[in-house]
Amino acid sequence: MGRKQVEEQSSKKPVDKRSSKATVADINSNYKQKYGFNVSENAVFRTQKGLSREVVEQISEMKQEPAWMCGFRLKALETFLAKKTPDWGGDLSKINYDEIYYYLKPVQEEGKSWDDIPQEIKNTFDRLGVPEAEKMHLSGIKAQFDSEIVYGSLLEELKQDGVIFMGTDEALKKHPEFFDQYFGKIIPPH
């Protein structure tokens, strides 16, 4: 197919003339109807609302992170606060960042089996099809709910082959040498 034919083909495709801002508004307008559920917040711990140095330090303390990780988080906060809100994509101007809980801990510790998970959280993942997908397609899974991993599994044969599969909190504690070497290195902060 030559260039002219490709251009003719692409010109026949219907064009969505709605702006990305309108599309985001449409998604939000029928979220409950389309997805049909939400979950009450029953966190065992949550920070105060808003994003500040105190909240970042509270998160780092709750996670029992080393000082360098808290420093990493504080530097990220400085970068976030220095940036202006993007004006491309969806309309973010109405977000009140001071009314958001930035850390919710739904359970005391990660479940090692599906039976360890609170029923309300299991119901959420069931509705999303996660347990079935794990049984049918996945070699390992980490399920995050709110701010924490609530469930993790890995096929036994992969464990025996030396595969390390864990969330960031666990990796920071069990393998700090890998974590420090690779965390935050792919995408530059600026």
C-alpha atoms as a PDB file:
ATOM      1  CA  MET A   1       0.000   0.000   0.000  1.00  0.00           C
ATOM      2  CA  GLY A   2       1.461   3.332  -1.048  1.00  0.00           C
ATOM      3  CA  ARG A   3       1.562   6.554   0.966  1.00  0.00           C
ATOM      4  CA  LYS A   4      -1.467   7.991  -0.873  1.00  0.00           C
ATOM      5  CA  GLN A   5      -3.552   4.879  -0.133  1.00  0.00           C
ATOM      6  CA  VAL A   6      -2.592   5.023   3.553  1.00  0.00           C
ATOM      7  CA  GLU A   7      -3.599   8.698   3.718  1.00  0.00           C
ATOM      8  CA  GLU A   8      -6.929   7.914   2.004  1.00  0.00           C
ATOM      9  CA  GLN A   9      -7.595   5.046   4.428  1.00  0.00           C
ATOM     10  CA  SER A  10      -6.771   7.148   7.471  1.00  0.00           C
ATOM     11  CA  SER A  11      -8.964  10.012   6.248  1.00  0.00           C
ATOM     12  CA  LYS A  12     -11.975   7.646   6.156  1.00  0.00           C
ATOM     13  CA  LYS A  13     -11.740   6.818   9.856  1.00  0.00           C
ATOM     14  CA  PRO A  14     -14.267   8.672  12.027  1.00  0.00           C
ATOM     15  CA  VAL A  15     -12.675  11.400  14.079  1.00  0.00           C
ATOM     16  CA  ASP A  16     -13.745  11.958  17.682  1.00  0.00           C
ATOM     17  CA  LYS A  17     -14.113  15.721  17.823  1.00  0.00           C
ATOM     18  CA  ARG A  18     -14.509  15.812  21.588  1.00  0.00           C
ATOM     19  CA  SER A  19     -11.596  17.283  23.432  1.00  0.00           C
ATOM     20  CA  SER A  20      -9.641  15.168  25.889  1.00  0.00           C
ATOM     21  CA  LYS A  21     -11.108  17.335  28.660  1.00  0.00           C
ATOM     22  CA  ALA A  22     -14.633  16.425  27.561  1.00  0.00           C
ATOM     23  CA  THR A  23     -13.678  12.752  27.408  1.00  0.00           C
ATOM     24  CA  VAL A  24     -12.383  12.834  30.988  1.00  0.00           C
ATOM     25  CA  ALA A  25     -15.584  14.574  32.093  1.00  0.00           C
ATOM     26  CA  ASP A  26     -17.650  11.872  30.364  1.00  0.00           C
ATOM     27  CA  ILE A  27     -15.758   9.123  32.168  1.00  0.00           C
ATOM     28  CA  ASN A  28     -16.320  10.791  35.517  1.00  0.00           C
ATOM     29  CA  SER A  29     -19.993  11.522  34.848  1.00  0.00           C
ATOM     30  CA  ASN A  30     -21.001   7.864  34.545  1.00  0.00           C
ATOM     31  CA  TYR A  31     -18.358   6.154  36.646  1.00  0.00           C
ATOM     32  CA  LYS A  32     -20.815   4.704  39.188  1.00  0.00           C
ATOM     33  CA  GLN A  33     -23.227   3.565  36.487  1.00  0.00           C
ATOM     34  CA  LYS A  34     -20.504   1.985  34.392  1.00  0.00           C
ATOM     35  CA  TYR A  35     -18.451   0.332  37.103  1.00  0.00           C
ATOM     36  CA  GLY A  36     -21.244  -0.029  39.628  1.00  0.00           C
ATOM     37  CA  PHE A  37     -19.425  -0.068  42.928  1.00  0.00           C
ATOM     38  CA  ASN A  38     -17.176   1.670  45.354  1.00  0.00           C
ATOM     39  CA  VAL A  39     -15.683   0.524  48.612  1.00  0.00           C
ATOM     40  CA  SER A  40     -15.957   2.120  52.005  1.00  0.00           C
ATOM     41  CA  GLU A  41     -12.674   3.232  53.525  1.00  0.00           C
ATOM     42  CA  ASN A  42     -11.705   1.006  56.458  1.00  0.00           C
ATOM     43  CA  ALA A  43      -7.988   1.719  56.702  1.00  0.00           C
ATOM     44  CA  VAL A  44      -6.048   0.532  59.746  1.00  0.00           C
ATOM     45  CA  PHE A  45      -3.951   3.688  59.316  1.00  0.00           C
ATOM     46  CA  ARG A  46      -4.094   6.848  57.232  1.00  0.00           C
ATOM     47  CA  THR A  47      -2.141  10.071  57.086  1.00  0.00           C
ATOM     48  CA  GLN A  48      -3.683  13.470  57.545  1.00  0.00           C
ATOM     49  CA  LYS A  49      -5.109  15.027  54.375  1.00  0.00           C
ATOM     50  CA  GLY A  50      -2.861  16.991  52.064  1.00  0.00           C
ATOM     51  CA  LEU A  51       0.660  16.649  50.775  1.00  0.00           C
ATOM     52  CA  SER A  52       3.341  18.203  52.937  1.00  0.00           C
ATOM     53  CA  ARG A  53       6.733  17.477  54.451  1.00  0.00           C
ATOM     54  CA  GLU A  54       4.953  16.162  57.574  1.00  0.00           C
ATOM     55  CA  VAL A  55       2.803  13.753  55.552  1.00  0.00           C
ATOM     56  CA  VAL A  56       5.827  12.466  53.615  1.00  0.00           C
ATOM     57  CA  GLU A  57       7.757  11.917  56.847  1.00  0.00           C
ATOM     58  CA  GLN A  58       4.715  10.196  58.382  1.00  0.00           C
ATOM     59  CA  ILE A  59       4.481   7.809  55.403  1.00  0.00           C
ATOM     60  CA  SER A  60       8.185   7.024  55.555  1.00  0.00           C
ATOM     61  CA  GLU A  61       8.018   6.434  59.310  1.00  0.00           C
ATOM     62  CA  MET A  62       4.942   4.197  58.974  1.00  0.00           C
ATOM     63  CA  LYS A  63       6.760   2.113  56.378  1.00  0.00           C
ATOM     64  CA  GLN A  64       9.911   2.011  58.574  1.00  0.00           C
ATOM     65  CA  GLU A  65      12.055   3.228  55.694  1.00  0.00           C
ATOM     66  CA  PRO A  66      15.733   4.151  55.931  1.00  0.00           C
ATOM     67  CA  ALA A  67      16.655   7.847  56.044  1.00  0.00           C
ATOM     68  CA  TRP A  68      17.829   7.880  52.409  1.00  0.00           C
ATOM     69  CA  MET A  69      14.356   6.767  51.263  1.00  0.00           C
ATOM     70  CA  CYS A  70      12.657   9.496  53.282  1.00  0.00           C
ATOM     71  CA  GLY A  71      15.095  11.947  51.669  1.00  0.00           C
ATOM     72  CA  PHE A  72      14.207  10.551  48.235  1.00  0.00           C
ATOM     73  CA  ARG A  73      10.516  11.116  48.984  1.00  0.00           C
ATOM     74  CA  LEU A  74      11.147  14.664  50.253  1.00  0.00           C
ATOM     75  CA  LYS A  75      13.122  15.512  47.116  1.00  0.00           C
ATOM     76  CA  ALA A  76      10.225  14.165  45.019  1.00  0.00           C
ATOM     77  CA  LEU A  77       7.828  16.366  47.010  1.00  0.00           C
ATOM     78  CA  GLU A  78       9.992  19.427  46.291  1.00  0.00           C
ATOM     79  CA  THR A  79       9.953  18.569  42.576  1.00  0.00           C
ATOM     80  CA  PHE A  80       6.168  18.099  42.608  1.00  0.00           C
ATOM     81  CA  LEU A  81       5.571  21.402  44.409  1.00  0.00           C
ATOM     82  CA  ALA A  82       7.905  23.268  42.027  1.00  0.00           C
ATOM     83  CA  LYS A  83       6.075  22.056  38.919  1.00  0.00           C
ATOM     84  CA  LYS A  84       2.985  23.785  37.608  1.00  0.00           C
ATOM     85  CA  THR A  85      -0.130  21.700  37.033  1.00  0.00           C
ATOM     86  CA  PRO A  86      -0.065  20.368  33.460  1.00  0.00           C
ATOM     87  CA  ASP A  87      -2.526  22.047  31.122  1.00  0.00           C
ATOM     88  CA  TRP A  88      -2.443  19.293  28.515  1.00  0.00           C
ATOM     89  CA  GLY A  89      -4.673  16.218  28.753  1.00  0.00           C
ATOM     90  CA  GLY A  90      -7.547  16.169  31.202  1.00  0.00           C
ATOM     91  CA  ASP A  91      -8.573  19.215  33.220  1.00  0.00           C
ATOM     92  CA  LEU A  92      -6.784  18.945  36.577  1.00  0.00           C
ATOM     93  CA  SER A  93      -7.581  22.466  37.761  1.00  0.00           C
ATOM     94  CA  LYS A  94     -10.402  21.375  40.062  1.00  0.00           C
ATOM     95  CA  ILE A  95      -8.343  18.868  42.051  1.00  0.00           C
ATOM     96  CA  ASN A  96      -7.977  20.014  45.636  1.00  0.00           C
ATOM     97  CA  TYR A  97      -4.716  18.344  46.635  1.00  0.00           C
ATOM     98  CA  ASP A  98      -5.290  19.341  50.261  1.00  0.00           C
ATOM     99  CA  GLU A  99      -8.397  17.114  50.476  1.00  0.00           C
ATOM    100  CA  ILE A 100      -6.673  13.877  49.466  1.00  0.00           C
ATOM    101  CA  TYR A 101      -5.370  11.177  51.789  1.00  0.00           C
ATOM    102  CA  TYR A 102      -2.049  10.218  50.210  1.00  0.00           C
ATOM    103  CA  TYR A 103      -1.545   7.074  52.233  1.00  0.00           C
ATOM    104  CA  LEU A 104      -4.102   4.537  53.409  1.00  0.00           C
ATOM    105  CA  LYS A 105      -3.059   1.227  54.920  1.00  0.00           C
ATOM    106  CA  PRO A 106      -5.967  -1.205  54.467  1.00  0.00           C
ATOM    107  CA  VAL A 107      -4.462  -4.196  56.337  1.00  0.00           C
ATOM    108  CA  GLN A 108      -1.746  -4.759  58.934  1.00  0.00           C
ATOM    109  CA  GLU A 109       0.292  -7.060  56.689  1.00  0.00           C
ATOM    110  CA  GLU A 110       0.301  -8.598  53.231  1.00  0.00           C
ATOM    111  CA  GLY A 111      -1.673 -11.815  52.905  1.00  0.00           C
ATOM    112  CA  LYS A 112       0.224 -14.905  51.816  1.00  0.00           C
ATOM    113  CA  SER A 113      -2.945 -16.692  50.733  1.00  0.00           C
ATOM    114  CA  TRP A 114      -6.285 -15.485  49.421  1.00  0.00           C
ATOM    115  CA  ASP A 115      -7.854 -16.566  52.738  1.00  0.00           C
ATOM    116  CA  ASP A 116      -5.794 -13.907  54.574  1.00  0.00           C
ATOM    117  CA  ILE A 117      -7.552 -11.040  52.766  1.00  0.00           C
ATOM    118  CA  PRO A 118     -10.529  -9.194  54.340  1.00  0.00           C
ATOM    119  CA  GLN A 119     -13.795 -10.120  52.614  1.00  0.00           C
ATOM    120  CA  GLU A 120     -14.579  -6.594  51.391  1.00  0.00           C
ATOM    121  CA  ILE A 121     -11.209  -6.408  49.627  1.00  0.00           C
ATOM    122  CA  LYS A 122     -11.684  -9.917  48.167  1.00  0.00           C
ATOM    123  CA  ASN A 123     -15.087  -8.858  46.846  1.00  0.00           C
ATOM    124  CA  THR A 124     -13.499  -5.885  45.077  1.00  0.00           C
ATOM    125  CA  PHE A 125     -10.861  -8.029  43.374  1.00  0.00           C
ATOM    126  CA  ASP A 126     -13.472 -10.682  42.523  1.00  0.00           C
ATOM    127  CA  ARG A 127     -15.569  -8.034  40.750  1.00  0.00           C
ATOM    128  CA  LEU A 128     -12.481  -6.949  38.815  1.00  0.00           C
ATOM    129  CA  GLY A 129     -11.728 -10.575  37.846  1.00  0.00           C
ATOM    130  CA  VAL A 130      -8.313 -10.698  39.540  1.00  0.00           C
ATOM    131  CA  PRO A 131      -8.522 -14.163  41.191  1.00  0.00           C
ATOM    132  CA  GLU A 132      -9.665 -15.786  37.929  1.00  0.00           C
ATOM    133  CA  ALA A 133      -6.941 -14.049  35.946  1.00  0.00           C
ATOM    134  CA  GLU A 134      -4.361 -15.263  38.458  1.00  0.00           C
ATOM    135  CA  LYS A 135      -5.574 -18.864  38.223  1.00  0.00           C
ATOM    136  CA  MET A 136      -5.694 -18.837  34.440  1.00  0.00           C
ATOM    137  CA  HIS A 137      -2.862 -16.624  33.232  1.00  0.00           C
ATOM    138  CA  LEU A 138      -0.481 -15.261  35.813  1.00  0.00           C
ATOM    139  CA  SER A 139       2.690 -16.786  37.221  1.00  0.00           C
ATOM    140  CA  GLY A 140       2.733 -14.280  40.033  1.00  0.00           C
ATOM    141  CA  ILE A 141       0.605 -11.448  41.273  1.00  0.00           C
ATOM    142  CA  LYS A 142       0.750  -8.578  43.722  1.00  0.00           C
ATOM    143  CA  ALA A 143      -2.602  -7.019  44.518  1.00  0.00           C
ATOM    144  CA  GLN A 144      -2.551  -3.423  45.718  1.00  0.00           C
ATOM    145  CA  PHE A 145      -5.516  -1.926  47.547  1.00  0.00           C
ATOM    146  CA  ASP A 146      -5.333   1.736  48.537  1.00  0.00           C
ATOM    147  CA  SER A 147      -1.643   2.370  49.329  1.00  0.00           C
ATOM    148  CA  GLU A 148      -0.463  -1.150  50.177  1.00  0.00           C
ATOM    149  CA  ILE A 149       0.075  -4.597  48.711  1.00  0.00           C
ATOM    150  CA  VAL A 150      -2.593  -6.769  50.345  1.00  0.00           C
ATOM    151  CA  TYR A 151      -1.843 -10.084  48.630  1.00  0.00           C
ATOM    152  CA  GLY A 152       1.036 -11.683  46.824  1.00  0.00           C
ATOM    153  CA  SER A 153       1.782 -15.033  45.259  1.00  0.00           C
ATOM    154  CA  LEU A 154       4.369 -16.572  42.954  1.00  0.00           C
ATOM    155  CA  LEU A 155       4.462 -20.007  41.370  1.00  0.00           C
ATOM    156  CA  GLU A 156       6.641 -22.327  43.443  1.00  0.00           C
ATOM    157  CA  GLU A 157       8.780 -23.344  40.448  1.00  0.00           C
ATOM    158  CA  LEU A 158       9.679 -19.685  39.813  1.00  0.00           C
ATOM    159  CA  LYS A 159      10.712 -19.302  43.452  1.00  0.00           C
ATOM    160  CA  GLN A 160      12.930 -22.370  43.082  1.00  0.00           C
ATOM    161  CA  ASP A 161      14.506 -20.806  39.980  1.00  0.00           C
ATOM    162  CA  GLY A 162      15.522 -17.794  42.081  1.00  0.00           C
ATOM    163  CA  VAL A 163      12.919 -15.317  40.864  1.00  0.00           C
ATOM    164  CA  ILE A 164      12.474 -12.434  43.312  1.00  0.00           C
ATOM    165  CA  PHE A 165       8.956 -11.008  43.103  1.00  0.00           C
ATOM    166  CA  MET A 166       7.797  -8.544  45.736  1.00  0.00           C
ATOM    167  CA  GLY A 167       6.385  -5.084  46.305  1.00  0.00           C
ATOM    168  CA  THR A 168       8.576  -2.051  46.839  1.00  0.00           C
ATOM    169  CA  ASP A 169       8.170  -1.967  50.629  1.00  0.00           C
ATOM    170  CA  GLU A 170       9.285  -5.576  51.009  1.00  0.00           C
ATOM    171  CA  ALA A 171      12.104  -5.147  48.470  1.00  0.00           C
ATOM    172  CA  LEU A 172      13.406  -2.112  50.335  1.00  0.00           C
ATOM    173  CA  LYS A 173      13.671  -4.182  53.525  1.00  0.00           C
ATOM    174  CA  LYS A 174      14.880  -7.512  52.105  1.00  0.00           C
ATOM    175  CA  HIS A 175      17.055  -6.361  49.188  1.00  0.00           C
ATOM    176  CA  PRO A 176      18.195  -2.788  49.869  1.00  0.00           C
ATOM    177  CA  GLU A 177      21.243  -3.246  47.625  1.00  0.00           C
ATOM    178  CA  PHE A 178      19.050  -3.800  44.531  1.00  0.00           C
ATOM    179  CA  PHE A 179      16.531  -1.224  45.592  1.00  0.00           C
ATOM    180  CA  ASP A 180      19.055   1.572  46.104  1.00  0.00           C
ATOM    181  CA  GLN A 181      20.788   0.703  42.841  1.00  0.00           C
ATOM    182  CA  TYR A 182      17.686   0.659  40.597  1.00  0.00           C
ATOM    183  CA  PHE A 183      14.787   2.508  42.275  1.00  0.00           C
ATOM    184  CA  GLY A 184      13.888   5.762  40.548  1.00  0.00           C
ATOM    185  CA  LYS A 185      16.580   5.430  37.880  1.00  0.00           C
ATOM    186  CA  ILE A 186      14.571   4.855  34.692  1.00  0.00           C
ATOM    187  CA  ILE A 187      12.644   8.132  34.589  1.00  0.00           C
ATOM    188  CA  PRO A 188      14.587  11.245  35.573  1.00  0.00           C
ATOM    189  CA  PRO A 189      12.904  13.432  38.216  1.00  0.00           C
ATOM    190  CA  HIS A 190      12.946  16.612  36.123  1.00  0.00           C
END
